Amino acid sequence: VPNFLSHNNINIYAIIPINNSVQMNQNKLKSLNNLIKETKKSKYIKDTFVLSDKNLKLNNINYILRKKTLNSKISLRNLMKLSLNEIEDKGYNPYALIYLNLDYINRPSKIINKVINEFLINGLDTAFPGLEEYGDIWYLNKKNEYTNTTSKMLPRELEYPKFKALYG
């Protein structure tokens, strides 16, 4: 990473949204604490913000009050846009935000730093890990029928991989 993009010179903030409908039981709180610990280990993340409808009384964590209108149907893009506005209103000046999904409990080791590193080195505006898939993928089309992404059914070595985005 060029010096001007080193972890000492950029402000990357983590956003961990918690849906209003999620009950914060002991398992969820443990997952949240583990995810926060992971962000604190990152050499790139300056600070972490939890987007929640209530203060969960965690130490050294910034909160963004999740308004009741921000329900589970809001797009990730709009959620990040609203979070950015709130962070800037609090006086922070982010270079980038990283979205972390509380429900991903088995992240590969150091994946957060790897994604941020790719983002910085390649001058990207968006980066996320993906799962390479060679198998058939079926989806529900506009006619309410399941359709295969390919009808060729070729051997793996002749197929092009498909990628499933793993946001957060």
N, C-alpha and C. Protein backbone atom coordinates (compact mmCIF):
# COMPACT_ATOMS: atom_id res chain seq x y z
N VAL A 1 0.85 -1.17 0.00
CA VAL A 1 0.00 0.00 0.00
C VAL A 1 0.90 1.24 0.00
N PRO A 2 0.66 2.19 -0.88
CA PRO A 2 1.45 3.42 -0.87
C PRO A 2 1.34 4.12 0.49
N ASN A 3 2.37 4.87 0.85
CA ASN A 3 2.43 5.51 2.16
C ASN A 3 1.22 6.40 2.44
N PHE A 4 0.75 7.14 1.43
CA PHE A 4 -0.38 8.03 1.67
C PHE A 4 -1.67 7.25 1.97
N LEU A 5 -1.68 5.94 1.65
CA LEU A 5 -2.82 5.10 1.97
C LEU A 5 -2.51 4.11 3.10
N SER A 6 -1.43 4.34 3.83
CA SER A 6 -1.11 3.43 4.93
C SER A 6 -2.15 3.57 6.03
N HIS A 7 -2.21 2.59 6.89
CA HIS A 7 -3.23 2.57 7.92
C HIS A 7 -3.14 3.76 8.87
N ASN A 8 -1.99 4.40 8.93
CA ASN A 8 -1.83 5.57 9.80
C ASN A 8 -2.42 6.84 9.19
N ASN A 9 -2.63 6.84 7.88
CA ASN A 9 -3.03 8.06 7.19
C ASN A 9 -4.47 8.08 6.69
N ILE A 10 -5.21 7.01 6.93
CA ILE A 10 -6.60 6.97 6.43
C ILE A 10 -7.57 6.70 7.57
N ASN A 11 -8.78 7.12 7.36
CA ASN A 11 -9.83 6.92 8.35
C ASN A 11 -10.89 5.99 7.78
N ILE A 12 -10.84 4.73 8.20
CA ILE A 12 -11.85 3.76 7.80
C ILE A 12 -12.63 3.40 9.05
N TYR A 13 -13.95 3.46 8.94
CA TYR A 13 -14.83 3.17 10.06
C TYR A 13 -15.70 1.97 9.75
N ALA A 14 -15.89 1.12 10.74
CA ALA A 14 -16.74 -0.06 10.59
C ALA A 14 -18.16 0.28 11.02
N ILE A 15 -19.12 -0.24 10.26
CA ILE A 15 -20.54 -0.09 10.58
C ILE A 15 -21.10 -1.49 10.84
N ILE A 16 -21.71 -1.67 12.01
CA ILE A 16 -22.36 -2.94 12.33
C ILE A 16 -23.84 -2.64 12.59
N PRO A 17 -24.69 -2.83 11.57
CA PRO A 17 -26.11 -2.57 11.78
C PRO A 17 -26.78 -3.73 12.51
N ILE A 18 -27.66 -3.39 13.42
CA ILE A 18 -28.47 -4.39 14.10
C ILE A 18 -29.92 -4.06 13.78
N ASN A 19 -30.57 -5.00 13.14
CA ASN A 19 -31.96 -4.81 12.73
C ASN A 19 -32.84 -4.63 13.95
N ASN A 20 -33.80 -3.73 13.85
CA ASN A 20 -34.72 -3.48 14.96
C ASN A 20 -35.45 -4.73 15.43
N SER A 21 -35.68 -5.67 14.51
CA SER A 21 -36.46 -6.85 14.86
C SER A 21 -35.61 -7.94 15.53
N VAL A 22 -34.30 -7.79 15.56
CA VAL A 22 -33.43 -8.81 16.13
C VAL A 22 -33.44 -8.73 17.66
N GLN A 23 -33.69 -9.85 18.28
CA GLN A 23 -33.61 -9.92 19.74
C GLN A 23 -32.15 -10.15 20.12
N MET A 24 -31.62 -9.27 20.95
CA MET A 24 -30.21 -9.38 21.35
C MET A 24 -30.08 -10.33 22.54
N ASN A 25 -30.08 -11.63 22.25
CA ASN A 25 -29.89 -12.63 23.30
C ASN A 25 -28.38 -12.78 23.59
N GLN A 26 -28.02 -13.67 24.47
CA GLN A 26 -26.62 -13.85 24.86
C GLN A 26 -25.74 -14.24 23.68
N ASN A 27 -26.24 -15.08 22.77
CA ASN A 27 -25.45 -15.50 21.61
C ASN A 27 -25.17 -14.33 20.67
N LYS A 28 -26.20 -13.51 20.45
CA LYS A 28 -26.02 -12.34 19.57
C LYS A 28 -25.04 -11.34 20.19
N LEU A 29 -25.17 -11.11 21.51
CA LEU A 29 -24.24 -10.20 22.18
C LEU A 29 -22.81 -10.72 22.13
N LYS A 30 -22.65 -12.02 22.27
CA LYS A 30 -21.31 -12.62 22.16
C LYS A 30 -20.76 -12.44 20.75
N SER A 31 -21.60 -12.66 19.74
CA SER A 31 -21.17 -12.46 18.35
C SER A 31 -20.79 -11.00 18.11
N LEU A 32 -21.59 -10.08 18.64
CA LEU A 32 -21.30 -8.66 18.49
C LEU A 32 -19.98 -8.30 19.16
N ASN A 33 -19.76 -8.77 20.37
CA ASN A 33 -18.50 -8.51 21.07
C ASN A 33 -17.31 -9.08 20.31
N ASN A 34 -17.45 -10.28 19.75
CA ASN A 34 -16.36 -10.89 18.97
C ASN A 34 -16.08 -10.08 17.71
N LEU A 35 -17.13 -9.61 17.06
CA LEU A 35 -16.96 -8.81 15.85
C LEU A 35 -16.28 -7.47 16.17
N ILE A 36 -16.66 -6.86 17.27
CA ILE A 36 -16.03 -5.61 17.69
C ILE A 36 -14.55 -5.85 18.00
N LYS A 37 -14.23 -6.96 18.66
CA LYS A 37 -12.83 -7.30 18.94
C LYS A 37 -12.04 -7.45 17.64
N GLU A 38 -12.69 -8.06 16.65
CA GLU A 38 -12.05 -8.23 15.34
C GLU A 38 -11.75 -6.88 14.70
N THR A 39 -12.68 -5.93 14.81
CA THR A 39 -12.43 -4.60 14.22
C THR A 39 -11.30 -3.89 14.96
N LYS A 40 -11.21 -4.11 16.26
CA LYS A 40 -10.14 -3.46 17.03
C LYS A 40 -8.77 -4.03 16.68
N LYS A 41 -8.72 -5.28 16.22
CA LYS A 41 -7.45 -5.89 15.81
C LYS A 41 -7.00 -5.40 14.43
N SER A 42 -7.93 -4.88 13.65
CA SER A 42 -7.60 -4.44 12.29
C SER A 42 -6.68 -3.22 12.33
N LYS A 43 -5.64 -3.28 11.52
CA LYS A 43 -4.73 -2.13 11.46
C LYS A 43 -5.32 -0.97 10.68
N TYR A 44 -6.42 -1.21 9.97
CA TYR A 44 -7.02 -0.17 9.14
C TYR A 44 -8.19 0.55 9.79
N ILE A 45 -8.97 -0.13 10.61
CA ILE A 45 -10.21 0.44 11.14
C ILE A 45 -9.91 1.35 12.31
N LYS A 46 -10.28 2.62 12.15
CA LYS A 46 -10.05 3.63 13.20
C LYS A 46 -11.05 3.51 14.32
N ASP A 47 -12.31 3.21 13.96
CA ASP A 47 -13.36 3.16 14.97
C ASP A 47 -14.52 2.34 14.44
N THR A 48 -15.38 1.91 15.36
CA THR A 48 -16.53 1.08 15.02
C THR A 48 -17.80 1.77 15.49
N PHE A 49 -18.83 1.72 14.64
CA PHE A 49 -20.13 2.27 14.97
C PHE A 49 -21.17 1.15 14.92
N VAL A 50 -21.94 1.03 15.98
CA VAL A 50 -23.05 0.09 16.00
C VAL A 50 -24.31 0.88 15.71
N LEU A 51 -25.02 0.45 14.69
CA LEU A 51 -26.28 1.08 14.30
C LEU A 51 -27.40 0.27 14.94
N SER A 52 -28.02 0.82 15.96
CA SER A 52 -29.01 0.08 16.73
C SER A 52 -30.12 1.02 17.21
N ASP A 53 -31.27 0.44 17.50
CA ASP A 53 -32.37 1.25 18.00
C ASP A 53 -32.25 1.50 19.50
N LYS A 54 -31.26 0.89 20.14
CA LYS A 54 -31.03 1.14 21.57
C LYS A 54 -29.55 0.98 21.89
N ASN A 55 -29.10 1.65 22.93
CA ASN A 55 -27.72 1.55 23.38
C ASN A 55 -27.56 0.21 24.10
N LEU A 56 -26.64 -0.60 23.63
CA LEU A 56 -26.43 -1.93 24.20
C LEU A 56 -25.44 -1.92 25.35
N LYS A 57 -25.01 -0.73 25.73
CA LYS A 57 -24.12 -0.52 26.88
C LYS A 57 -22.82 -1.31 26.75
N LEU A 58 -22.22 -1.24 25.58
CA LEU A 58 -20.91 -1.84 25.37
C LEU A 58 -19.87 -0.75 25.54
N ASN A 59 -18.74 -1.08 26.12
CA ASN A 59 -17.69 -0.10 26.39
C ASN A 59 -16.97 0.33 25.12
N ASN A 60 -16.63 1.59 25.06
CA ASN A 60 -15.81 2.16 23.99
C ASN A 60 -16.36 1.92 22.59
N ILE A 61 -17.67 1.99 22.46
CA ILE A 61 -18.30 1.80 21.15
C ILE A 61 -19.15 3.03 20.86
N ASN A 62 -19.08 3.48 19.63
CA ASN A 62 -19.93 4.57 19.16
C ASN A 62 -21.25 3.99 18.68
N TYR A 63 -22.30 4.69 18.96
CA TYR A 63 -23.62 4.27 18.52
C TYR A 63 -24.19 5.28 17.54
N ILE A 64 -24.91 4.75 16.59
CA ILE A 64 -25.76 5.55 15.74
C ILE A 64 -27.17 5.05 16.03
N LEU A 65 -28.01 5.92 16.50
CA LEU A 65 -29.37 5.52 16.84
C LEU A 65 -30.12 5.18 15.56
N ARG A 66 -30.55 3.94 15.50
CA ARG A 66 -31.29 3.46 14.33
C ARG A 66 -32.74 3.87 14.52
N LYS A 67 -33.19 4.75 13.66
CA LYS A 67 -34.57 5.22 13.75
C LYS A 67 -35.53 4.08 13.42
N LYS A 68 -36.69 4.13 14.00
CA LYS A 68 -37.68 3.08 13.77
C LYS A 68 -38.04 2.94 12.29
N THR A 69 -37.83 4.03 11.53
CA THR A 69 -38.15 3.99 10.10
C THR A 69 -37.11 3.18 9.32
N LEU A 70 -35.94 2.93 9.91
CA LEU A 70 -34.91 2.13 9.23
C LEU A 70 -35.17 0.65 9.51
N ASN A 71 -36.16 0.12 8.84
CA ASN A 71 -36.49 -1.28 9.07
C ASN A 71 -35.64 -2.20 8.20
N SER A 72 -35.93 -3.47 8.22
CA SER A 72 -35.12 -4.45 7.50
C SER A 72 -35.25 -4.33 5.98
N LYS A 73 -36.20 -3.54 5.49
CA LYS A 73 -36.40 -3.44 4.05
C LYS A 73 -35.54 -2.36 3.39
N ILE A 74 -34.78 -1.61 4.16
CA ILE A 74 -33.92 -0.58 3.57
C ILE A 74 -32.75 -1.26 2.86
N SER A 75 -32.36 -0.71 1.74
CA SER A 75 -31.24 -1.30 1.00
C SER A 75 -29.93 -1.04 1.73
N LEU A 76 -28.96 -1.89 1.48
CA LEU A 76 -27.64 -1.72 2.08
C LEU A 76 -27.03 -0.39 1.66
N ARG A 77 -27.22 -0.03 0.41
CA ARG A 77 -26.69 1.25 -0.09
C ARG A 77 -27.25 2.43 0.70
N ASN A 78 -28.56 2.44 0.91
CA ASN A 78 -29.18 3.54 1.66
C ASN A 78 -28.80 3.51 3.13
N LEU A 79 -28.67 2.32 3.69
CA LEU A 79 -28.24 2.20 5.08
C LEU A 79 -26.84 2.78 5.27
N MET A 80 -25.94 2.50 4.34
CA MET A 80 -24.58 3.02 4.42
C MET A 80 -24.56 4.53 4.21
N LYS A 81 -25.40 5.01 3.30
CA LYS A 81 -25.48 6.45 3.05
C LYS A 81 -25.95 7.20 4.30
N LEU A 82 -27.00 6.67 4.94
CA LEU A 82 -27.50 7.28 6.16
C LEU A 82 -26.46 7.21 7.28
N SER A 83 -25.75 6.11 7.37
CA SER A 83 -24.70 5.96 8.39
C SER A 83 -23.58 6.96 8.15
N LEU A 84 -23.18 7.12 6.89
CA LEU A 84 -22.14 8.09 6.56
C LEU A 84 -22.55 9.49 6.99
N ASN A 85 -23.78 9.88 6.71
CA ASN A 85 -24.26 11.20 7.12
C ASN A 85 -24.20 11.38 8.62
N GLU A 86 -24.60 10.37 9.37
CA GLU A 86 -24.57 10.44 10.83
C GLU A 86 -23.13 10.55 11.35
N ILE A 87 -22.23 9.78 10.75
CA ILE A 87 -20.82 9.80 11.17
C ILE A 87 -20.21 11.17 10.89
N GLU A 88 -20.49 11.72 9.72
CA GLU A 88 -19.97 13.05 9.39
C GLU A 88 -20.58 14.11 10.30
N ASP A 89 -21.86 13.96 10.64
CA ASP A 89 -22.50 14.91 11.56
C ASP A 89 -21.85 14.89 12.94
N LYS A 90 -21.25 13.77 13.31
CA LYS A 90 -20.57 13.66 14.61
C LYS A 90 -19.14 14.21 14.56
N GLY A 91 -18.73 14.71 13.37
CA GLY A 91 -17.42 15.33 13.25
C GLY A 91 -16.31 14.43 12.72
N TYR A 92 -16.65 13.22 12.33
CA TYR A 92 -15.66 12.31 11.75
C TYR A 92 -15.55 12.56 10.26
N ASN A 93 -14.38 12.25 9.70
CA ASN A 93 -14.14 12.45 8.28
C ASN A 93 -13.65 11.14 7.67
N PRO A 94 -14.56 10.21 7.33
CA PRO A 94 -14.13 8.90 6.83
C PRO A 94 -13.59 8.93 5.41
N TYR A 95 -12.54 8.16 5.20
CA TYR A 95 -12.06 7.87 3.85
C TYR A 95 -12.96 6.80 3.24
N ALA A 96 -13.36 5.84 4.10
CA ALA A 96 -14.21 4.74 3.65
C ALA A 96 -14.94 4.15 4.84
N LEU A 97 -16.02 3.44 4.53
CA LEU A 97 -16.77 2.68 5.53
C LEU A 97 -16.70 1.22 5.16
N ILE A 98 -16.69 0.36 6.17
CA ILE A 98 -16.79 -1.07 5.92
C ILE A 98 -18.02 -1.58 6.65
N TYR A 99 -18.86 -2.28 5.93
CA TYR A 99 -20.09 -2.86 6.47
C TYR A 99 -19.76 -4.25 7.00
N LEU A 100 -20.17 -4.53 8.23
CA LEU A 100 -19.96 -5.85 8.81
C LEU A 100 -21.30 -6.40 9.27
N ASN A 101 -21.61 -7.58 8.79
CA ASN A 101 -22.88 -8.23 9.08
C ASN A 101 -22.74 -9.08 10.33
N LEU A 102 -23.54 -8.81 11.33
CA LEU A 102 -23.49 -9.53 12.59
C LEU A 102 -23.77 -11.02 12.41
N ASP A 103 -24.53 -11.37 11.40
CA ASP A 103 -24.91 -12.78 11.21
C ASP A 103 -23.81 -13.65 10.62
N TYR A 104 -22.74 -13.07 10.07
CA TYR A 104 -21.62 -13.87 9.58
C TYR A 104 -20.72 -14.19 10.77
N ILE A 105 -20.85 -15.39 11.30
CA ILE A 105 -20.13 -15.72 12.52
C ILE A 105 -18.83 -16.49 12.26
N ASN A 106 -18.63 -16.96 11.05
CA ASN A 106 -17.42 -17.74 10.74
C ASN A 106 -16.58 -17.09 9.65
N ARG A 107 -16.25 -15.82 9.86
CA ARG A 107 -15.40 -15.13 8.89
C ARG A 107 -14.01 -15.77 8.87
N PRO A 108 -13.42 -15.88 7.70
CA PRO A 108 -12.03 -16.35 7.66
C PRO A 108 -11.12 -15.38 8.41
N SER A 109 -10.07 -15.92 8.97
CA SER A 109 -9.11 -15.11 9.71
C SER A 109 -8.55 -13.99 8.84
N LYS A 110 -8.51 -12.81 9.36
CA LYS A 110 -7.93 -11.63 8.72
C LYS A 110 -8.65 -11.19 7.44
N ILE A 111 -9.88 -11.65 7.22
CA ILE A 111 -10.60 -11.29 5.99
C ILE A 111 -10.87 -9.79 5.91
N ILE A 112 -11.12 -9.16 7.06
CA ILE A 112 -11.41 -7.72 7.05
C ILE A 112 -10.20 -6.96 6.51
N ASN A 113 -9.02 -7.25 7.02
CA ASN A 113 -7.81 -6.57 6.53
C ASN A 113 -7.53 -6.90 5.08
N LYS A 114 -7.79 -8.13 4.66
CA LYS A 114 -7.56 -8.52 3.27
C LYS A 114 -8.45 -7.72 2.31
N VAL A 115 -9.73 -7.58 2.67
CA VAL A 115 -10.66 -6.83 1.81
C VAL A 115 -10.26 -5.36 1.75
N ILE A 116 -9.93 -4.79 2.90
CA ILE A 116 -9.52 -3.37 2.93
C ILE A 116 -8.23 -3.18 2.15
N ASN A 117 -7.30 -4.09 2.28
CA ASN A 117 -6.04 -4.01 1.55
C ASN A 117 -6.29 -4.02 0.04
N GLU A 118 -7.14 -4.92 -0.44
CA GLU A 118 -7.49 -4.97 -1.87
C GLU A 118 -8.14 -3.66 -2.31
N PHE A 119 -9.02 -3.16 -1.48
CA PHE A 119 -9.71 -1.90 -1.73
C PHE A 119 -8.71 -0.77 -1.92
N LEU A 120 -7.71 -0.69 -1.03
CA LEU A 120 -6.73 0.40 -1.08
C LEU A 120 -5.74 0.23 -2.22
N ILE A 121 -5.17 -0.95 -2.36
CA ILE A 121 -4.14 -1.18 -3.37
C ILE A 121 -4.67 -0.97 -4.78
N ASN A 122 -5.91 -1.42 -5.02
CA ASN A 122 -6.45 -1.36 -6.37
C ASN A 122 -7.29 -0.12 -6.64
N GLY A 123 -7.36 0.81 -5.69
CA GLY A 123 -8.11 2.05 -5.90
C GLY A 123 -9.58 1.83 -6.17
N LEU A 124 -10.18 0.88 -5.47
CA LEU A 124 -11.57 0.54 -5.70
C LEU A 124 -12.50 1.48 -4.93
N ASP A 125 -13.75 1.56 -5.37
CA ASP A 125 -14.73 2.30 -4.57
C ASP A 125 -15.61 1.35 -3.78
N THR A 126 -15.57 0.07 -4.12
CA THR A 126 -16.31 -0.97 -3.40
C THR A 126 -15.50 -2.26 -3.47
N ALA A 127 -15.47 -2.98 -2.36
CA ALA A 127 -14.80 -4.28 -2.34
C ALA A 127 -15.54 -5.18 -1.37
N PHE A 128 -15.65 -6.45 -1.71
CA PHE A 128 -16.28 -7.43 -0.83
C PHE A 128 -15.78 -8.81 -1.22
N PRO A 129 -15.75 -9.72 -0.24
CA PRO A 129 -15.34 -11.09 -0.58
C PRO A 129 -16.45 -11.79 -1.36
N GLY A 130 -16.07 -12.79 -2.10
CA GLY A 130 -17.04 -13.56 -2.87
C GLY A 130 -16.72 -15.03 -2.80
N LEU A 131 -17.72 -15.83 -3.00
CA LEU A 131 -17.58 -17.28 -3.01
C LEU A 131 -17.62 -17.75 -4.45
N GLU A 132 -16.54 -18.37 -4.89
CA GLU A 132 -16.46 -18.88 -6.26
C GLU A 132 -17.31 -20.14 -6.37
N GLU A 133 -18.15 -20.19 -7.40
CA GLU A 133 -19.08 -21.30 -7.56
C GLU A 133 -19.09 -21.76 -9.01
N TYR A 134 -18.91 -23.06 -9.22
CA TYR A 134 -18.97 -23.62 -10.56
C TYR A 134 -20.26 -24.38 -10.82
N GLY A 135 -21.02 -24.66 -9.76
CA GLY A 135 -22.25 -25.42 -9.91
C GLY A 135 -23.36 -24.59 -10.53
N ASP A 136 -24.47 -25.27 -10.77
CA ASP A 136 -25.63 -24.59 -11.32
C ASP A 136 -26.29 -23.72 -10.25
N ILE A 137 -26.72 -22.56 -10.65
CA ILE A 137 -27.43 -21.66 -9.76
C ILE A 137 -28.79 -21.39 -10.38
N TRP A 138 -29.82 -21.60 -9.57
CA TRP A 138 -31.19 -21.39 -10.02
C TRP A 138 -31.77 -20.17 -9.33
N TYR A 139 -32.60 -19.43 -10.03
CA TYR A 139 -33.23 -18.25 -9.46
C TYR A 139 -34.68 -18.17 -9.93
N LEU A 140 -35.49 -17.44 -9.18
CA LEU A 140 -36.89 -17.25 -9.53
C LEU A 140 -36.98 -16.05 -10.47
N ASN A 141 -37.43 -16.28 -11.70
CA ASN A 141 -37.48 -15.21 -12.69
C ASN A 141 -38.77 -14.40 -12.56
N LYS A 142 -38.95 -13.43 -13.46
CA LYS A 142 -40.12 -12.53 -13.40
C LYS A 142 -41.43 -13.25 -13.69
N LYS A 143 -41.35 -14.41 -14.33
CA LYS A 143 -42.55 -15.20 -14.62
C LYS A 143 -42.88 -16.15 -13.46
N ASN A 144 -42.13 -15.99 -12.35
CA ASN A 144 -42.32 -16.82 -11.17
C ASN A 144 -41.96 -18.28 -11.45
N GLU A 145 -40.97 -18.46 -12.32
CA GLU A 145 -40.46 -19.80 -12.66
C GLU A 145 -38.98 -19.86 -12.30
N TYR A 146 -38.53 -21.02 -11.88
CA TYR A 146 -37.11 -21.17 -11.60
C TYR A 146 -36.36 -21.40 -12.90
N THR A 147 -35.26 -20.66 -13.04
CA THR A 147 -34.44 -20.69 -14.24
C THR A 147 -32.98 -20.90 -13.84
N ASN A 148 -32.28 -21.67 -14.63
CA ASN A 148 -30.86 -21.92 -14.40
C ASN A 148 -30.05 -20.77 -15.00
N THR A 149 -28.94 -20.42 -14.36
CA THR A 149 -28.10 -19.34 -14.91
C THR A 149 -27.42 -19.78 -16.20
N THR A 150 -27.31 -21.07 -16.43
CA THR A 150 -26.74 -21.58 -17.67
C THR A 150 -27.47 -22.86 -18.04
N SER A 151 -27.62 -23.08 -19.32
CA SER A 151 -28.28 -24.32 -19.75
C SER A 151 -27.28 -25.29 -20.36
N LYS A 152 -26.00 -24.95 -20.32
CA LYS A 152 -24.98 -25.76 -20.98
C LYS A 152 -24.63 -27.03 -20.22
N MET A 153 -24.60 -26.97 -18.89
CA MET A 153 -24.25 -28.10 -18.03
C MET A 153 -22.93 -28.74 -18.49
N LEU A 154 -21.92 -27.92 -18.62
CA LEU A 154 -20.60 -28.36 -19.07
C LEU A 154 -19.79 -28.92 -17.91
N PRO A 155 -18.73 -29.70 -18.22
CA PRO A 155 -17.82 -30.13 -17.15
C PRO A 155 -17.17 -28.89 -16.51
N ARG A 156 -16.80 -29.03 -15.26
CA ARG A 156 -16.26 -27.91 -14.48
C ARG A 156 -15.12 -27.18 -15.19
N GLU A 157 -14.21 -27.92 -15.81
CA GLU A 157 -13.06 -27.28 -16.45
C GLU A 157 -13.43 -26.43 -17.66
N LEU A 158 -14.64 -26.58 -18.18
CA LEU A 158 -15.11 -25.76 -19.30
C LEU A 158 -16.04 -24.63 -18.86
N GLU A 159 -16.42 -24.64 -17.60
CA GLU A 159 -17.32 -23.62 -17.06
C GLU A 159 -16.55 -22.39 -16.63
N TYR A 160 -17.19 -21.26 -16.65
CA TYR A 160 -16.67 -20.05 -16.04
C TYR A 160 -17.25 -19.97 -14.63
N PRO A 161 -16.46 -19.53 -13.68
CA PRO A 161 -17.00 -19.47 -12.32
C PRO A 161 -18.03 -18.35 -12.17
N LYS A 162 -18.95 -18.58 -11.27
CA LYS A 162 -19.90 -17.55 -10.83
C LYS A 162 -19.44 -17.17 -9.44
N PHE A 163 -19.80 -15.98 -9.00
CA PHE A 163 -19.38 -15.53 -7.67
C PHE A 163 -20.59 -15.08 -6.88
N LYS A 164 -20.66 -15.57 -5.65
CA LYS A 164 -21.70 -15.14 -4.73
C LYS A 164 -21.09 -14.08 -3.82
N ALA A 165 -21.70 -12.92 -3.79
CA ALA A 165 -21.20 -11.84 -2.94
C ALA A 165 -21.46 -12.17 -1.48
N LEU A 166 -20.45 -11.92 -0.65
CA LEU A 166 -20.57 -12.15 0.79
C LEU A 166 -20.43 -10.80 1.48
N TYR A 167 -21.48 -9.99 1.39
CA TYR A 167 -21.44 -8.66 1.98
C TYR A 167 -21.38 -8.76 3.49
N GLY A 168 -20.45 -8.02 4.06
CA GLY A 168 -20.38 -7.91 5.51
C GLY A 168 -19.57 -8.98 6.14
